[in-house]
């Protein structure tokens, strides 16, 4: 009798769930995850455990199987603290030993200074979406060739710990080469403000075509980016992408309520969240059913474990150059200098070679001393400058610190004096020592460079050298 009652209750719940629209179910999930009773779902907390238990019930409701025999829960420890991912699987057919992974983190920031950070968009919206995506995919079990793993990650907000652990877990279980796509669904509750963005589409062969076809079917406003490029942010794709798995970071973008107590469920666009969920379900279905779906072999710069051997980028800098007159014991006042051009690099393990080709405009003010010029005036020279550095790199990866030593050559093609030309010849061929140090994060490179001229600026007239010249340089590497 008790078993019959449980079966009847499950049937009633299933009927009730099916009577709701997907948009209504999504709203129900988000309002629960972002409710005051869950107090912001801080990673590893009892409040996050409530969200975790809720996800387990929804997985059961959708008919999903646990990835690990007997339990949806995949516990792990980090820094002595216990966390838990919630992981289910929908088994495929002919290619069931290959996998598509759909993930969203369910933790948020908890309570700070007495205020709850509900995290309705971040990431109650994503947690809700993957439940409904799983529901949709489970209704197409017979069509699925590959298996689909549905993962709710813990501890994203404190270091991407949940997704990092699952990547290790899956690698040990069957090897990440079996994972043909990983999608991180993170902040998808503001569709009406800018549409949906997929970052990483170039990691999939014919990815743009697949994305466009699904967008047409769902009439969704879609933006695609070839790769994740932001060096200031990371999402749950990271650990998978670094192992060569094709990844998509899925989002409707940042907003003023991000990581604030005002990220509340009444601000979520539920019709938009419904469209996003439907679109992602269709995209995942395509990836799980198309036997030709595969990686492109390309990977985002920010996810590379080793830097490419050759790099090129655009660069610009600001700085100043002082002119020293050693016989008169005078050093000029520098003015703002500018450079623009290209920078190239060759990388070999922890060493490298950097060569720049720069257009440069340098200005310095001479003091008001009669033996030199009379009244104060500016001297400006424009040149093509080529610094070259031998580099020591802190890491073999695409990101890290570096320091370099070398030299430079400048060809001065024009010069001017702001008041009266003293008639001094200007050396068109200038050069000397150069040094730099800085930090590189994927495509972005911030660098301080220094130069010391060794030959005379005004040969045959005054002994003068540009010494030192200091520049703050920003480069974007392709």
Protein backbone atom coordinates (compact mmCIF):
# COMPACT_ATOMS: atom_id res chain seq x y z
CA UNK A 1 0.00 0.00 0.00
CA UNK A 2 2.79 2.40 0.91
CA UNK A 3 4.57 1.70 -2.40
CA UNK A 4 1.32 2.33 -4.29
CA UNK A 5 0.84 5.62 -2.47
CA UNK A 6 4.36 6.75 -3.40
CA UNK A 7 3.79 5.84 -7.04
CA UNK A 8 0.49 7.74 -7.08
CA UNK A 9 2.13 10.76 -5.46
CA UNK A 10 4.93 10.73 -8.04
CA UNK A 11 2.35 10.53 -10.80
CA UNK A 12 0.43 13.49 -9.37
CA UNK A 13 3.64 15.54 -9.16
CA UNK A 14 4.55 14.63 -12.74
CA UNK A 15 1.08 15.59 -13.99
CA UNK A 16 1.23 18.88 -12.08
CA UNK A 17 4.67 19.64 -13.52
CA UNK A 18 3.50 18.87 -17.04
CA UNK A 19 0.46 21.15 -16.57
CA UNK A 20 2.76 24.10 -16.02
CA UNK A 21 4.39 25.88 -18.90
CA UNK A 22 8.17 25.81 -19.12
CA UNK A 23 8.26 29.54 -18.35
CA UNK A 24 6.21 28.97 -15.20
CA UNK A 25 8.48 26.16 -14.05
CA UNK A 26 11.57 28.29 -14.67
CA UNK A 27 10.08 31.10 -12.58
CA UNK A 28 9.26 28.64 -9.80
CA UNK A 29 12.86 27.38 -9.73
CA UNK A 30 14.45 30.82 -9.79
CA UNK A 31 12.19 32.15 -7.03
CA UNK A 32 13.09 29.16 -4.89
CA UNK A 33 16.86 29.34 -5.48
CA UNK A 34 16.87 33.11 -4.87
CA UNK A 35 14.52 33.05 -1.88
CA UNK A 36 15.52 34.47 1.49
CA UNK A 37 15.22 30.98 2.97
CA UNK A 38 18.33 29.91 1.00
CA UNK A 39 20.29 32.98 2.17
CA UNK A 40 22.35 33.37 -0.99
CA UNK A 41 23.47 29.73 -1.29
CA UNK A 42 27.05 30.23 -0.07
CA UNK A 43 29.31 27.47 -1.36
CA UNK A 44 29.39 24.41 0.88
CA UNK A 45 26.79 25.82 3.29
CA UNK A 46 23.60 24.27 4.67
CA UNK A 47 21.69 26.78 2.54
CA UNK A 48 23.44 25.57 -0.60
CA UNK A 49 22.53 22.03 0.48
CA UNK A 50 18.84 23.03 0.29
CA UNK A 51 19.37 24.11 -3.31
CA UNK A 52 21.25 20.89 -3.96
CA UNK A 53 18.39 18.75 -2.57
CA UNK A 54 15.91 20.70 -4.68
CA UNK A 55 17.96 20.00 -7.81
CA UNK A 56 18.04 16.28 -6.95
CA UNK A 57 14.24 16.23 -6.78
CA UNK A 58 13.95 17.98 -10.12
CA UNK A 59 16.41 15.50 -11.67
CA UNK A 60 14.25 12.64 -10.42
CA UNK A 61 11.14 14.38 -11.74
CA UNK A 62 12.78 14.59 -15.18
CA UNK A 63 13.64 10.89 -15.10
CA UNK A 64 17.42 11.40 -15.05
CA UNK A 65 19.82 8.77 -13.80
CA UNK A 66 22.68 9.49 -11.40
CA UNK A 67 26.06 9.56 -13.12
CA UNK A 68 27.52 7.55 -10.25
CA UNK A 69 25.64 4.46 -9.20
CA UNK A 70 23.23 5.15 -6.35
CA UNK A 71 23.59 8.92 -5.95
CA UNK A 72 23.36 12.17 -7.87
CA UNK A 73 25.81 13.70 -5.39
CA UNK A 74 29.50 13.97 -6.24
CA UNK A 75 31.20 15.26 -3.08
CA UNK A 76 34.71 16.68 -2.95
CA UNK A 77 36.94 18.59 -0.57
CA UNK A 78 38.90 21.75 -1.14
CA UNK A 79 41.05 23.42 1.50
CA UNK A 80 39.56 21.08 4.10
CA UNK A 81 35.95 22.07 3.34
CA UNK A 82 33.26 19.82 1.89
CA UNK A 83 31.44 20.73 -1.33
CA UNK A 84 29.08 18.79 -3.56
CA UNK A 85 28.27 18.74 -7.27
CA UNK A 86 24.95 17.30 -8.42
CA UNK A 87 25.42 15.20 -11.56
CA UNK A 88 22.99 13.17 -13.67
CA UNK A 89 23.15 11.51 -17.07
CA UNK A 90 20.79 10.83 -19.95
CA UNK A 91 22.18 7.79 -21.72
CA UNK A 92 22.61 7.87 -25.47
CA UNK A 93 22.45 5.02 -27.94
CA UNK A 94 25.02 4.19 -30.61
CA UNK A 95 27.61 6.64 -29.21
CA UNK A 96 26.64 6.40 -25.55
CA UNK A 97 30.30 6.31 -24.50
CA UNK A 98 30.73 9.84 -25.84
CA UNK A 99 29.35 12.76 -23.85
CA UNK A 100 27.93 16.26 -23.99
CA UNK A 101 28.24 18.11 -20.65
CA UNK A 102 25.78 20.85 -19.65
CA UNK A 103 26.69 22.65 -16.45
CA UNK A 104 25.60 25.56 -14.28
CA UNK A 105 26.78 26.57 -10.83
CA UNK A 106 24.15 26.73 -8.09
CA UNK A 107 26.16 28.49 -5.37
CA UNK A 108 26.30 32.24 -4.84
CA UNK A 109 27.76 34.72 -2.33
CA UNK A 110 25.62 34.01 0.72
CA UNK A 111 25.19 36.75 3.33
CA UNK A 112 27.57 39.72 3.67
CA UNK A 113 27.29 42.37 6.38
CA UNK A 114 23.77 41.20 7.14
CA UNK A 115 22.54 41.42 3.54
CA UNK A 116 21.47 38.43 1.47
CA UNK A 117 22.93 38.14 -2.02
CA UNK A 118 20.13 36.17 -3.69
CA UNK A 119 21.86 35.65 -7.05
CA UNK A 120 18.69 35.33 -9.11
CA UNK A 121 20.49 35.77 -12.40
CA UNK A 122 23.83 34.59 -11.01
CA UNK A 123 23.15 31.75 -11.19
CA UNK A 124 19.64 30.71 -10.23
CA UNK A 125 18.76 31.40 -13.87
CA UNK A 126 21.36 28.93 -15.19
CA UNK A 127 20.48 26.32 -12.56
CA UNK A 128 16.83 26.58 -13.60
CA UNK A 129 17.68 26.42 -17.29
CA UNK A 130 19.66 23.18 -17.14
CA UNK A 131 16.78 21.45 -15.35
CA UNK A 132 14.43 22.35 -18.18
CA UNK A 133 17.02 21.51 -20.82
CA UNK A 134 17.40 18.11 -19.16
CA UNK A 135 13.61 17.69 -19.16
CA UNK A 136 13.49 18.43 -22.89
CA UNK A 137 16.40 16.13 -23.76
CA UNK A 138 14.98 13.28 -21.68
CA UNK A 139 11.92 13.35 -23.94
CA UNK A 140 14.22 12.68 -26.90
CA UNK A 141 16.12 9.75 -25.43
CA UNK A 142 15.52 7.58 -28.47
CA UNK A 143 17.16 10.21 -30.72
CA UNK A 144 20.24 10.78 -28.58
CA UNK A 145 23.35 9.05 -29.89
CA UNK A 146 25.74 10.52 -27.34
CA UNK A 147 25.04 10.59 -23.62
CA UNK A 148 24.31 13.95 -21.97
CA UNK A 149 25.65 14.79 -18.52
CA UNK A 150 23.72 17.42 -16.54
CA UNK A 151 25.87 19.01 -13.81
CA UNK A 152 25.06 21.52 -11.10
CA UNK A 153 28.35 22.87 -9.77
CA UNK A 154 29.16 23.92 -6.23
CA UNK A 155 31.86 26.45 -5.26
CA UNK A 156 32.08 28.36 -8.54
CA UNK A 157 32.08 31.73 -6.81
CA UNK A 158 35.16 30.93 -4.73
CA UNK A 159 37.33 29.49 -7.48
CA UNK A 160 35.52 27.31 -10.07
CA UNK A 161 36.10 24.38 -7.72
CA UNK A 162 33.05 22.32 -8.67
CA UNK A 163 33.66 22.30 -12.41
CA UNK A 164 37.38 21.75 -11.89
CA UNK A 165 36.66 18.71 -9.76
CA UNK A 166 34.12 17.30 -12.22
CA UNK A 167 36.65 17.62 -15.05
CA UNK A 168 39.11 15.56 -12.99
CA UNK A 169 36.38 13.11 -12.02
CA UNK A 170 35.26 12.52 -15.61
CA UNK A 171 38.85 12.27 -16.81
CA UNK A 172 39.45 9.49 -14.28
CA UNK A 173 36.12 7.81 -15.10
CA UNK A 174 36.37 7.62 -18.89
CA UNK A 175 38.80 10.27 -20.19
CA UNK A 176 37.98 13.81 -21.25
CA UNK A 177 38.65 12.90 -24.87
CA UNK A 178 35.18 11.31 -24.70
CA UNK A 179 33.61 14.71 -23.93
CA UNK A 180 32.67 16.29 -27.26
CA UNK A 181 31.25 19.55 -25.86
CA UNK A 182 30.94 21.32 -22.53
CA UNK A 183 28.48 24.20 -22.10
CA UNK A 184 28.50 26.45 -19.04
CA UNK A 185 25.13 28.16 -18.57
CA UNK A 186 25.89 31.14 -16.35
CA UNK A 187 23.66 34.22 -16.01
CA UNK A 188 21.00 33.74 -18.67
CA UNK A 189 18.17 35.70 -17.07
CA UNK A 190 18.41 39.03 -18.90
CA UNK A 191 17.69 38.05 -22.49
CA UNK A 192 15.54 41.12 -23.19
CA UNK A 193 18.46 43.50 -22.57
CA UNK A 194 20.84 42.14 -25.19
CA UNK A 195 20.03 38.65 -26.40
CA UNK A 196 22.08 35.51 -25.88
CA UNK A 197 25.84 35.24 -26.33
CA UNK A 198 27.83 32.07 -27.01
CA UNK A 199 31.58 32.42 -26.47
CA UNK A 200 33.81 29.69 -27.88
CA UNK A 201 31.91 28.84 -31.04
CA UNK A 202 35.18 28.46 -33.00
CA UNK A 203 36.16 25.50 -30.80
CA UNK A 204 33.48 23.51 -32.67
CA UNK A 205 33.82 22.54 -36.31
CA UNK A 206 31.10 24.42 -38.23
CA UNK A 207 30.03 25.87 -34.90
CA UNK A 208 28.57 29.09 -36.32
CA UNK A 209 26.38 27.18 -38.77
CA UNK A 210 25.05 24.90 -36.02
CA UNK A 211 24.38 27.88 -33.75
CA UNK A 212 22.63 29.82 -36.52
CA UNK A 213 20.41 26.92 -37.53
CA UNK A 214 19.19 26.46 -33.96
CA UNK A 215 18.73 30.24 -33.59
CA UNK A 216 16.50 30.33 -36.67
CA UNK A 217 14.39 27.49 -35.33
CA UNK A 218 13.90 29.28 -32.01
CA UNK A 219 13.71 32.85 -33.36
CA UNK A 220 16.34 33.89 -30.85
CA UNK A 221 18.57 36.94 -30.89
CA UNK A 222 22.06 35.45 -30.88
CA UNK A 223 25.61 36.75 -30.75
CA UNK A 224 28.57 34.43 -31.15
CA UNK A 225 32.22 34.96 -30.28
CA UNK A 226 34.92 32.70 -31.60
CA UNK A 227 36.61 32.40 -28.21
CA UNK A 228 36.39 33.51 -24.61
CA UNK A 229 38.72 36.49 -24.51
CA UNK A 230 38.22 38.24 -21.16
CA UNK A 231 41.31 37.86 -18.99
CA UNK A 232 39.47 39.30 -15.99
CA UNK A 233 36.70 36.71 -15.79
CA UNK A 234 36.42 32.93 -15.85
CA UNK A 235 33.52 30.51 -15.91
CA UNK A 236 33.01 26.80 -15.50
CA UNK A 237 34.31 26.04 -18.99
CA UNK A 238 37.86 26.68 -17.81
CA UNK A 239 39.01 23.26 -16.59
CA UNK A 240 37.47 21.50 -19.59
CA UNK A 241 38.83 23.97 -22.16
CA UNK A 242 42.36 23.62 -20.77
CA UNK A 243 42.15 19.90 -21.56
CA UNK A 244 41.17 20.57 -25.17
CA UNK A 245 37.41 20.01 -24.83
CA UNK A 246 35.28 22.27 -27.07
CA UNK A 247 33.46 24.69 -24.77
CA UNK A 248 30.72 27.29 -24.93
CA UNK A 249 30.27 29.96 -22.27
CA UNK A 250 26.57 30.83 -22.46
CA UNK A 251 25.27 34.10 -21.02
CA UNK A 252 22.94 37.03 -21.52
CA UNK A 253 25.58 39.34 -20.08
CA UNK A 254 26.48 41.41 -17.04
CA UNK A 255 24.24 44.09 -15.52
CA UNK A 256 24.28 46.61 -12.63
CA UNK A 257 22.90 44.03 -10.16
CA UNK A 258 25.78 41.60 -10.71
CA UNK A 259 27.16 40.42 -7.34
CA UNK A 260 24.84 42.77 -5.45
CA UNK A 261 21.93 42.18 -3.04
CA UNK A 262 19.65 43.62 -5.74
CA UNK A 263 20.03 40.60 -8.07
CA UNK A 264 16.46 39.49 -7.30
CA UNK A 265 14.04 37.14 -9.08
CA UNK A 266 11.55 39.85 -10.08
CA UNK A 267 14.20 41.28 -12.44
CA UNK A 268 14.62 38.04 -14.40
CA UNK A 269 13.12 37.91 -17.89
CA UNK A 270 11.23 34.60 -17.72
CA UNK A 271 9.95 34.65 -21.29
CA UNK A 272 13.54 35.22 -22.39
CA UNK A 273 14.80 32.49 -20.07
CA UNK A 274 12.25 30.17 -21.67
CA UNK A 275 13.57 31.01 -25.16
CA UNK A 276 17.16 30.50 -24.01
CA UNK A 277 16.32 27.11 -22.49
CA UNK A 278 14.58 25.96 -25.65
CA UNK A 279 17.46 27.12 -27.82
CA UNK A 280 20.11 25.42 -25.69
CA UNK A 281 18.08 22.20 -25.62
CA UNK A 282 18.01 22.19 -29.42
CA UNK A 283 21.73 22.97 -29.64
CA UNK A 284 22.54 20.16 -27.19
CA UNK A 285 20.23 17.80 -29.06
CA UNK A 286 22.09 18.54 -32.30
CA UNK A 287 25.46 17.95 -30.61
CA UNK A 288 24.23 14.68 -29.11
CA UNK A 289 22.62 13.30 -32.27
CA UNK A 290 24.90 14.42 -35.10
CA UNK A 291 27.61 11.79 -35.45
CA UNK A 292 29.81 14.24 -37.39
CA UNK A 293 29.81 16.81 -34.56
CA UNK A 294 33.42 17.35 -33.52
CA UNK A 295 36.05 19.73 -32.22
CA UNK A 296 37.70 22.23 -34.54
CA UNK A 297 41.08 21.78 -32.84
CA UNK A 298 41.18 25.49 -31.98
CA UNK A 299 41.36 26.80 -28.42
CA UNK A 300 41.08 30.19 -26.75
CA UNK A 301 44.34 31.92 -25.89
CA UNK A 302 43.29 32.19 -22.26
CA UNK A 303 42.94 28.41 -22.04
CA UNK A 304 46.33 27.47 -23.51
CA UNK A 305 48.72 25.69 -21.18
CA UNK A 306 51.64 26.67 -23.43
CA UNK A 307 52.16 29.85 -25.36
CA UNK A 308 52.28 29.67 -29.14
CA UNK A 309 55.78 29.71 -30.59
CA UNK A 310 55.08 32.83 -32.66
CA UNK A 311 52.84 35.72 -31.65
CA UNK A 312 52.08 39.10 -33.19
CA UNK A 313 50.02 41.97 -31.87
CA UNK A 314 49.29 45.67 -31.97
CA UNK A 315 50.77 47.93 -29.33
CA UNK A 316 50.77 51.47 -28.05
CA UNK A 317 52.48 53.30 -25.20
CA UNK A 318 52.87 56.58 -23.39
CA UNK A 319 55.94 57.80 -21.56
CA UNK A 320 58.61 60.44 -21.45
CA UNK A 321 62.20 60.83 -22.55
CA UNK A 322 64.75 63.01 -20.77
CA UNK A 323 67.74 64.49 -22.59
CA UNK A 324 70.92 64.65 -20.55
CA UNK A 325 73.71 67.20 -21.23
CA UNK A 326 76.54 65.70 -19.15
CA UNK A 327 79.05 68.56 -19.70
CA UNK A 328 76.54 71.16 -18.52
CA UNK A 329 75.18 68.86 -15.83
CA UNK A 330 71.65 69.49 -17.10
CA UNK A 331 68.76 67.12 -17.73
CA UNK A 332 65.68 68.36 -19.58
CA UNK A 333 62.09 68.06 -18.46
CA UNK A 334 60.27 65.31 -20.33
CA UNK A 335 56.94 65.79 -22.08
CA UNK A 336 54.39 63.15 -23.03
CA UNK A 337 55.71 60.75 -25.66
CA UNK A 338 53.71 58.33 -27.78
CA UNK A 339 54.40 55.13 -29.65
CA UNK A 340 52.23 52.86 -31.78
CA UNK A 341 53.04 49.83 -33.86
CA UNK A 342 53.35 46.07 -33.78
CA UNK A 343 55.03 43.66 -31.42
CA UNK A 344 56.18 40.12 -32.17
CA UNK A 345 57.33 37.29 -29.97
CA UNK A 346 59.06 33.95 -30.24
CA UNK A 347 58.46 31.70 -27.22
CA UNK A 348 60.70 28.83 -26.20
CA UNK A 349 59.83 27.26 -22.85
CA UNK A 350 60.74 29.87 -20.20
CA UNK A 351 62.68 32.01 -22.67
CA UNK A 352 61.70 34.21 -25.56
CA UNK A 353 62.58 36.93 -28.02
CA UNK A 354 60.50 40.09 -28.46
CA UNK A 355 60.95 42.55 -31.33
CA UNK A 356 58.81 45.69 -31.75
CA UNK A 357 58.41 48.01 -34.73
CA UNK A 358 57.17 51.39 -33.50
CA UNK A 359 56.29 54.81 -34.79
CA UNK A 360 57.40 57.22 -32.08
CA UNK A 361 56.96 60.90 -31.23
CA UNK A 362 59.17 62.11 -28.35
CA UNK A 363 59.22 65.63 -26.91
CA UNK A 364 61.50 67.19 -24.29
CA UNK A 365 61.72 70.76 -22.95
CA UNK A 366 65.08 72.49 -22.79
CA UNK A 367 65.76 74.79 -19.81
CA UNK A 368 65.97 78.55 -20.15
CA UNK A 369 69.74 78.88 -20.17
CA UNK A 370 71.42 81.29 -22.60
CA UNK A 371 74.50 79.13 -23.35
CA UNK A 372 72.20 76.46 -24.65
CA UNK A 373 69.13 78.00 -26.29
CA UNK A 374 68.17 81.22 -24.57
CA UNK A 375 64.49 80.90 -23.77
CA UNK A 376 62.96 77.53 -22.96
CA UNK A 377 61.59 75.54 -25.85
CA UNK A 378 60.52 72.04 -26.84
CA UNK A 379 62.46 69.63 -29.00
CA UNK A 380 60.41 66.96 -30.78
CA UNK A 381 61.66 64.11 -32.87
CA UNK A 382 59.68 61.53 -34.82
CA UNK A 383 61.22 58.20 -35.54
CA UNK A 384 60.80 54.57 -36.41
CA UNK A 385 62.14 52.59 -33.47
CA UNK A 386 62.93 48.89 -33.23
CA UNK A 387 63.61 47.53 -29.72
CA UNK A 388 64.61 43.88 -29.30
CA UNK A 389 64.65 41.98 -26.00
CA UNK A 390 65.83 38.59 -24.85
CA UNK A 391 63.10 37.45 -22.44
CA UNK A 392 62.97 35.40 -19.29
CA UNK A 393 59.38 34.15 -18.77
CA UNK A 394 57.88 33.01 -15.46
CA UNK A 395 55.76 30.35 -17.15
CA UNK A 396 55.57 28.28 -20.31
CA UNK A 397 51.88 29.16 -20.55
CA UNK A 398 50.33 32.03 -22.43
CA UNK A 399 50.08 34.05 -19.22
CA UNK A 400 52.70 35.13 -16.72
CA UNK A 401 55.36 37.68 -15.85
CA UNK A 402 58.45 38.41 -17.89
CA UNK A 403 61.62 40.49 -17.88
CA UNK A 404 63.78 41.34 -20.87
CA UNK A 405 67.15 42.87 -21.79
CA UNK A 406 68.47 43.98 -25.16
CA UNK A 407 68.90 47.04 -27.31
CA UNK A 408 67.13 49.36 -29.72
CA UNK A 409 67.65 51.28 -32.95
CA UNK A 410 65.81 54.48 -33.97
CA UNK A 411 65.77 56.17 -37.35
CA UNK A 412 64.79 59.83 -36.87
CA UNK A 413 62.98 61.04 -39.98
CA UNK A 414 61.96 64.49 -38.71
CA UNK A 415 62.62 66.89 -35.84
CA UNK A 416 61.49 70.34 -34.77
CA UNK A 417 62.41 73.05 -32.24
CA UNK A 418 59.39 74.96 -30.96
CA UNK A 419 61.04 78.44 -30.97
CA UNK A 420 64.37 78.91 -32.68
CA UNK A 421 66.48 76.26 -34.33
CA UNK A 422 69.99 76.45 -32.87
CA UNK A 423 71.39 74.97 -36.07
CA UNK A 424 72.52 71.74 -34.50
CA UNK A 425 72.56 68.61 -36.64
CA UNK A 426 70.42 65.79 -35.28
CA UNK A 427 71.76 62.27 -35.50
CA UNK A 428 69.25 60.29 -37.61
CA UNK A 429 70.65 56.97 -36.37
CA UNK A 430 70.20 56.54 -32.64
CA UNK A 431 70.46 53.48 -30.47
CA UNK A 432 71.39 52.01 -27.15
CA UNK A 433 70.34 49.62 -24.41
CA UNK A 434 66.78 48.55 -23.66
CA UNK A 435 65.03 46.65 -20.87
CA UNK A 436 61.46 45.74 -20.09
CA UNK A 437 59.33 43.88 -17.61
CA UNK A 438 55.63 43.18 -17.44
CA UNK A 439 52.81 40.70 -17.25
CA UNK A 440 50.85 38.90 -19.94
CA UNK A 441 47.38 37.45 -19.51
CA UNK A 442 46.24 35.59 -22.65
CA UNK A 443 45.87 38.25 -25.36
CA UNK A 444 46.59 41.23 -23.13
CA UNK A 445 50.12 42.37 -22.28
CA UNK A 446 51.08 45.22 -19.95
CA UNK A 447 54.71 46.26 -20.08
CA UNK A 448 57.14 48.84 -18.73
CA UNK A 449 60.09 49.55 -21.00
CA UNK A 450 63.27 51.59 -20.55
CA UNK A 451 65.91 52.85 -22.97
CA UNK A 452 69.36 54.37 -22.56
CA UNK A 453 70.89 56.05 -25.64
CA UNK A 454 74.59 55.33 -26.19
CA UNK A 455 75.43 57.62 -29.12
CA UNK A 456 75.11 61.42 -29.35
CA UNK A 457 71.82 63.11 -30.16
CA UNK A 458 73.50 66.27 -31.56
CA UNK A 459 76.87 65.12 -32.96
CA UNK A 460 79.52 67.85 -33.26
CA UNK A 461 77.51 70.40 -31.25
CA UNK A 462 76.47 69.46 -27.73
CA UNK A 463 77.12 66.14 -26.00
CA UNK A 464 73.54 65.02 -25.35
CA UNK A 465 71.75 61.72 -25.03
CA UNK A 466 68.21 60.54 -24.45
CA UNK A 467 68.64 59.02 -21.06
CA UNK A 468 66.51 57.48 -19.74
CA UNK A 469 63.28 56.98 -21.70
CA UNK A 470 60.45 55.25 -19.83
CA UNK A 471 57.24 53.91 -21.36
CA UNK A 472 54.09 52.18 -20.17
CA UNK A 473 52.93 49.95 -23.02
CA UNK A 474 49.75 47.99 -23.67
CA UNK A 475 49.58 45.30 -26.34
CA UNK A 476 46.84 43.09 -27.75
CA UNK A 477 48.20 39.83 -29.18
CA UNK A 478 46.37 37.98 -31.94
